Amino acid sequence: ALDVDKVFGYISDWYNSLDFGQIGSVAGNTILGIGAGIVAGFTGALIVLILTIYFAASTPNLKVAVAQLVPASKRARFVDLADQITASVGYYVMGQVTLGVING
């Protein structure tokens, strides 16, 4: 797994090793801080989007409504795949919650 803080630390150390003086160091740290904030924001938004889709997809009424949009000849296969995907994401979310509790 990629540790974003380590990567930004290496980049920051490299940038600070360049001889631009104090102003360049402060500007570099500011730019890296903004970049880290943007990456963290996009990561958080992606996690919220995935969880929103999961919780919406696990709602039985919504699942039935979406299944009605699929042709009847392929509906059974679609429902089976949707259930497998929902279960897999559910197991992933439960695993992440468990890891969070253990790490906390």
N, C-alpha and C. Protein backbone atom coordinates (compact mmCIF):
# COMPACT_ATOMS: atom_id res chain seq x y z
N ALA A 1 0.84 -1.18 0.00
CA ALA A 1 0.00 0.00 0.00
C ALA A 1 0.89 1.24 0.00
N LEU A 2 0.36 2.29 -0.59
CA LEU A 2 1.10 3.54 -0.72
C LEU A 2 0.82 4.42 0.48
N ASP A 3 1.88 4.84 1.16
CA ASP A 3 1.73 5.73 2.30
C ASP A 3 1.94 7.16 1.79
N VAL A 4 0.85 7.89 1.65
CA VAL A 4 0.88 9.23 1.06
C VAL A 4 1.74 10.16 1.90
N ASP A 5 1.66 10.06 3.22
CA ASP A 5 2.46 10.93 4.07
C ASP A 5 3.96 10.72 3.84
N LYS A 6 4.38 9.45 3.67
CA LYS A 6 5.79 9.18 3.40
C LYS A 6 6.22 9.77 2.06
N VAL A 7 5.36 9.61 1.05
CA VAL A 7 5.70 10.15 -0.27
C VAL A 7 5.86 11.65 -0.20
N PHE A 8 4.90 12.34 0.44
CA PHE A 8 5.02 13.79 0.57
C PHE A 8 6.22 14.17 1.44
N GLY A 9 6.55 13.34 2.41
CA GLY A 9 7.74 13.59 3.22
C GLY A 9 9.01 13.51 2.39
N TYR A 10 9.10 12.48 1.52
CA TYR A 10 10.27 12.35 0.65
C TYR A 10 10.36 13.53 -0.32
N ILE A 11 9.23 13.91 -0.89
CA ILE A 11 9.22 15.04 -1.82
C ILE A 11 9.61 16.32 -1.10
N SER A 12 9.06 16.51 0.10
CA SER A 12 9.38 17.69 0.88
C SER A 12 10.87 17.73 1.24
N ASP A 13 11.43 16.59 1.66
CA ASP A 13 12.86 16.54 1.99
C ASP A 13 13.71 16.86 0.76
N TRP A 14 13.33 16.31 -0.40
CA TRP A 14 14.07 16.59 -1.63
C TRP A 14 13.99 18.06 -1.98
N TYR A 15 12.78 18.62 -1.89
CA TYR A 15 12.60 20.03 -2.25
C TYR A 15 13.37 20.93 -1.29
N ASN A 16 13.34 20.59 -0.02
CA ASN A 16 14.05 21.40 0.97
C ASN A 16 15.56 21.29 0.84
N SER A 17 16.03 20.19 0.24
CA SER A 17 17.47 20.04 0.04
C SER A 17 17.98 20.95 -1.08
N LEU A 18 17.09 21.40 -1.95
CA LEU A 18 17.49 22.35 -3.00
C LEU A 18 17.77 23.69 -2.34
N ASP A 19 18.68 24.44 -2.89
CA ASP A 19 19.12 25.68 -2.25
C ASP A 19 18.38 26.89 -2.84
N PHE A 20 17.15 27.09 -2.41
CA PHE A 20 16.38 28.25 -2.83
C PHE A 20 16.30 29.29 -1.72
N GLY A 21 16.81 28.97 -0.58
CA GLY A 21 16.73 29.88 0.55
C GLY A 21 15.44 29.66 1.32
N GLN A 22 15.19 30.50 2.30
CA GLN A 22 14.04 30.35 3.20
C GLN A 22 12.71 30.50 2.47
N ILE A 23 12.63 31.46 1.54
CA ILE A 23 11.35 31.71 0.85
C ILE A 23 10.96 30.49 0.03
N GLY A 24 11.90 29.88 -0.66
CA GLY A 24 11.61 28.69 -1.47
C GLY A 24 11.16 27.53 -0.61
N SER A 25 11.74 27.38 0.55
CA SER A 25 11.37 26.29 1.45
C SER A 25 9.94 26.47 1.94
N VAL A 26 9.60 27.69 2.33
CA VAL A 26 8.25 27.96 2.81
C VAL A 26 7.24 27.76 1.68
N ALA A 27 7.57 28.26 0.49
CA ALA A 27 6.67 28.11 -0.65
C ALA A 27 6.49 26.64 -1.01
N GLY A 28 7.59 25.89 -0.97
CA GLY A 28 7.50 24.46 -1.28
C GLY A 28 6.64 23.71 -0.30
N ASN A 29 6.82 24.00 0.98
CA ASN A 29 6.00 23.34 2.00
C ASN A 29 4.53 23.71 1.84
N THR A 30 4.27 24.97 1.48
CA THR A 30 2.89 25.40 1.26
C THR A 30 2.27 24.67 0.08
N ILE A 31 3.02 24.57 -1.00
CA ILE A 31 2.52 23.88 -2.19
C ILE A 31 2.27 22.41 -1.88
N LEU A 32 3.20 21.77 -1.18
CA LEU A 32 3.02 20.36 -0.82
C LEU A 32 1.83 20.18 0.12
N GLY A 33 1.65 21.12 1.04
CA GLY A 33 0.50 21.04 1.94
C GLY A 33 -0.81 21.17 1.20
N ILE A 34 -0.86 22.07 0.23
CA ILE A 34 -2.08 22.22 -0.59
C ILE A 34 -2.32 20.95 -1.40
N GLY A 35 -1.26 20.40 -1.99
CA GLY A 35 -1.40 19.16 -2.76
C GLY A 35 -1.89 18.01 -1.91
N ALA A 36 -1.35 17.90 -0.69
CA ALA A 36 -1.78 16.84 0.22
C ALA A 36 -3.24 17.03 0.60
N GLY A 37 -3.66 18.28 0.81
CA GLY A 37 -5.06 18.55 1.13
C GLY A 37 -5.99 18.18 -0.01
N ILE A 38 -5.57 18.46 -1.23
CA ILE A 38 -6.39 18.11 -2.40
C ILE A 38 -6.52 16.60 -2.53
N VAL A 39 -5.40 15.88 -2.39
CA VAL A 39 -5.44 14.41 -2.47
C VAL A 39 -6.33 13.84 -1.37
N ALA A 40 -6.20 14.36 -0.15
CA ALA A 40 -7.03 13.88 0.95
C ALA A 40 -8.50 14.18 0.70
N GLY A 41 -8.80 15.34 0.13
CA GLY A 41 -10.18 15.68 -0.18
C GLY A 41 -10.79 14.76 -1.21
N PHE A 42 -10.04 14.48 -2.28
CA PHE A 42 -10.54 13.56 -3.31
C PHE A 42 -10.71 12.15 -2.76
N THR A 43 -9.77 11.72 -1.92
CA THR A 43 -9.87 10.38 -1.32
C THR A 43 -11.11 10.29 -0.43
N GLY A 44 -11.33 11.31 0.38
CA GLY A 44 -12.52 11.32 1.24
C GLY A 44 -13.80 11.33 0.44
N ALA A 45 -13.83 12.12 -0.64
CA ALA A 45 -15.02 12.18 -1.49
C ALA A 45 -15.28 10.83 -2.15
N LEU A 46 -14.22 10.16 -2.58
CA LEU A 46 -14.37 8.84 -3.21
C LEU A 46 -14.93 7.82 -2.21
N ILE A 47 -14.44 7.86 -0.99
CA ILE A 47 -14.94 6.94 0.04
C ILE A 47 -16.40 7.20 0.32
N VAL A 48 -16.78 8.47 0.44
CA VAL A 48 -18.19 8.81 0.68
C VAL A 48 -19.05 8.37 -0.48
N LEU A 49 -18.57 8.56 -1.71
CA LEU A 49 -19.33 8.14 -2.89
C LEU A 49 -19.55 6.62 -2.90
N ILE A 50 -18.49 5.86 -2.62
CA ILE A 50 -18.60 4.40 -2.62
C ILE A 50 -19.57 3.93 -1.53
N LEU A 51 -19.46 4.51 -0.34
CA LEU A 51 -20.37 4.11 0.74
C LEU A 51 -21.81 4.52 0.43
N THR A 52 -22.00 5.67 -0.18
CA THR A 52 -23.35 6.10 -0.56
C THR A 52 -23.96 5.12 -1.55
N ILE A 53 -23.19 4.74 -2.56
CA ILE A 53 -23.68 3.78 -3.55
C ILE A 53 -23.99 2.45 -2.87
N TYR A 54 -23.12 2.02 -1.97
CA TYR A 54 -23.37 0.75 -1.29
C TYR A 54 -24.65 0.78 -0.48
N PHE A 55 -24.82 1.81 0.34
CA PHE A 55 -26.01 1.87 1.18
C PHE A 55 -27.27 2.05 0.35
N ALA A 56 -27.18 2.81 -0.74
CA ALA A 56 -28.34 2.95 -1.62
C ALA A 56 -28.66 1.63 -2.31
N ALA A 57 -27.61 0.92 -2.74
CA ALA A 57 -27.83 -0.35 -3.44
C ALA A 57 -28.33 -1.43 -2.50
N SER A 58 -28.06 -1.32 -1.23
CA SER A 58 -28.50 -2.36 -0.31
C SER A 58 -29.94 -2.14 0.15
N THR A 59 -30.55 -1.03 -0.26
CA THR A 59 -31.95 -0.79 0.05
C THR A 59 -32.81 -1.68 -0.84
N PRO A 60 -33.62 -2.55 -0.27
CA PRO A 60 -34.38 -3.51 -1.08
C PRO A 60 -35.29 -2.85 -2.13
N ASN A 61 -35.99 -1.78 -1.79
CA ASN A 61 -36.89 -1.14 -2.76
C ASN A 61 -36.12 -0.60 -3.95
N LEU A 62 -34.95 -0.03 -3.70
CA LEU A 62 -34.14 0.50 -4.80
C LEU A 62 -33.62 -0.63 -5.68
N LYS A 63 -33.22 -1.74 -5.06
CA LYS A 63 -32.73 -2.88 -5.82
C LYS A 63 -33.82 -3.42 -6.75
N VAL A 64 -35.04 -3.49 -6.24
CA VAL A 64 -36.16 -3.99 -7.06
C VAL A 64 -36.42 -3.02 -8.21
N ALA A 65 -36.39 -1.72 -7.94
CA ALA A 65 -36.65 -0.73 -8.97
C ALA A 65 -35.59 -0.78 -10.07
N VAL A 66 -34.32 -0.93 -9.68
CA VAL A 66 -33.25 -1.00 -10.68
C VAL A 66 -33.37 -2.29 -11.48
N ALA A 67 -33.74 -3.38 -10.84
CA ALA A 67 -33.90 -4.65 -11.54
C ALA A 67 -35.01 -4.56 -12.58
N GLN A 68 -36.01 -3.75 -12.34
CA GLN A 68 -37.10 -3.59 -13.30
C GLN A 68 -36.62 -2.92 -14.59
N LEU A 69 -35.50 -2.21 -14.54
CA LEU A 69 -34.97 -1.54 -15.71
C LEU A 69 -34.22 -2.49 -16.64
N VAL A 70 -33.88 -3.67 -16.14
CA VAL A 70 -33.15 -4.67 -16.93
C VAL A 70 -34.16 -5.54 -17.67
N PRO A 71 -33.87 -5.92 -18.92
CA PRO A 71 -34.79 -6.81 -19.65
C PRO A 71 -35.07 -8.10 -18.87
N ALA A 72 -36.29 -8.57 -18.98
CA ALA A 72 -36.74 -9.75 -18.21
C ALA A 72 -35.86 -10.97 -18.48
N SER A 73 -35.35 -11.10 -19.71
CA SER A 73 -34.53 -12.28 -20.04
C SER A 73 -33.19 -12.28 -19.29
N LYS A 74 -32.72 -11.12 -18.89
CA LYS A 74 -31.43 -11.03 -18.21
C LYS A 74 -31.58 -10.63 -16.74
N ARG A 75 -32.80 -10.50 -16.27
CA ARG A 75 -33.05 -9.99 -14.92
C ARG A 75 -32.51 -10.90 -13.83
N ALA A 76 -32.69 -12.21 -13.97
CA ALA A 76 -32.22 -13.14 -12.92
C ALA A 76 -30.71 -13.05 -12.75
N ARG A 77 -30.01 -13.01 -13.87
CA ARG A 77 -28.53 -12.90 -13.82
C ARG A 77 -28.12 -11.56 -13.20
N PHE A 78 -28.81 -10.48 -13.58
CA PHE A 78 -28.50 -9.16 -13.04
C PHE A 78 -28.71 -9.12 -11.53
N VAL A 79 -29.82 -9.66 -11.06
CA VAL A 79 -30.11 -9.67 -9.62
C VAL A 79 -29.05 -10.48 -8.88
N ASP A 80 -28.65 -11.62 -9.46
CA ASP A 80 -27.63 -12.45 -8.83
C ASP A 80 -26.30 -11.69 -8.73
N LEU A 81 -25.89 -11.06 -9.83
CA LEU A 81 -24.64 -10.29 -9.80
C LEU A 81 -24.72 -9.10 -8.84
N ALA A 82 -25.86 -8.42 -8.84
CA ALA A 82 -26.02 -7.27 -7.93
C ALA A 82 -25.93 -7.71 -6.48
N ASP A 83 -26.53 -8.87 -6.16
CA ASP A 83 -26.45 -9.38 -4.79
C ASP A 83 -25.01 -9.76 -4.42
N GLN A 84 -24.29 -10.36 -5.36
CA GLN A 84 -22.89 -10.72 -5.10
C GLN A 84 -22.04 -9.47 -4.88
N ILE A 85 -22.24 -8.45 -5.70
CA ILE A 85 -21.47 -7.21 -5.57
C ILE A 85 -21.80 -6.54 -4.24
N THR A 86 -23.08 -6.47 -3.91
CA THR A 86 -23.49 -5.84 -2.66
C THR A 86 -22.90 -6.58 -1.46
N ALA A 87 -22.91 -7.90 -1.51
CA ALA A 87 -22.34 -8.69 -0.41
C ALA A 87 -20.83 -8.47 -0.31
N SER A 88 -20.15 -8.44 -1.45
CA SER A 88 -18.70 -8.24 -1.44
C SER A 88 -18.32 -6.88 -0.87
N VAL A 89 -19.04 -5.85 -1.29
CA VAL A 89 -18.76 -4.52 -0.76
C VAL A 89 -19.08 -4.47 0.73
N GLY A 90 -20.14 -5.14 1.13
CA GLY A 90 -20.49 -5.20 2.55
C GLY A 90 -19.41 -5.84 3.38
N TYR A 91 -18.85 -6.94 2.87
CA TYR A 91 -17.76 -7.60 3.59
C TYR A 91 -16.54 -6.68 3.67
N TYR A 92 -16.26 -5.97 2.59
CA TYR A 92 -15.13 -5.03 2.59
C TYR A 92 -15.35 -3.94 3.63
N VAL A 93 -16.55 -3.36 3.64
CA VAL A 93 -16.85 -2.28 4.59
C VAL A 93 -16.74 -2.80 6.02
N MET A 94 -17.28 -3.99 6.28
CA MET A 94 -17.18 -4.56 7.63
C MET A 94 -15.73 -4.80 8.02
N GLY A 95 -14.91 -5.24 7.07
CA GLY A 95 -13.49 -5.45 7.34
C GLY A 95 -12.78 -4.14 7.66
N GLN A 96 -13.12 -3.09 6.92
CA GLN A 96 -12.50 -1.79 7.17
C GLN A 96 -12.92 -1.23 8.53
N VAL A 97 -14.18 -1.42 8.89
CA VAL A 97 -14.65 -0.97 10.21
C VAL A 97 -13.93 -1.73 11.31
N THR A 98 -13.78 -3.05 11.11
CA THR A 98 -13.08 -3.88 12.10
C THR A 98 -11.63 -3.42 12.24
N LEU A 99 -10.96 -3.18 11.12
CA LEU A 99 -9.58 -2.70 11.18
C LEU A 99 -9.50 -1.34 11.87
N GLY A 100 -10.47 -0.48 11.60
CA GLY A 100 -10.49 0.82 12.26
C GLY A 100 -10.64 0.71 13.76
N VAL A 101 -11.50 -0.21 14.18
CA VAL A 101 -11.70 -0.41 15.63
C VAL A 101 -10.43 -0.97 16.26
N ILE A 102 -9.82 -1.94 15.58
CA ILE A 102 -8.59 -2.54 16.12
C ILE A 102 -7.47 -1.50 16.17
N ASN A 103 -7.32 -0.70 15.11
CA ASN A 103 -6.27 0.32 15.08
C ASN A 103 -6.55 1.43 16.08
N GLY A 104 -7.84 1.72 16.32
CA GLY A 104 -8.20 2.78 17.26
C GLY A 104 -7.94 2.32 18.66
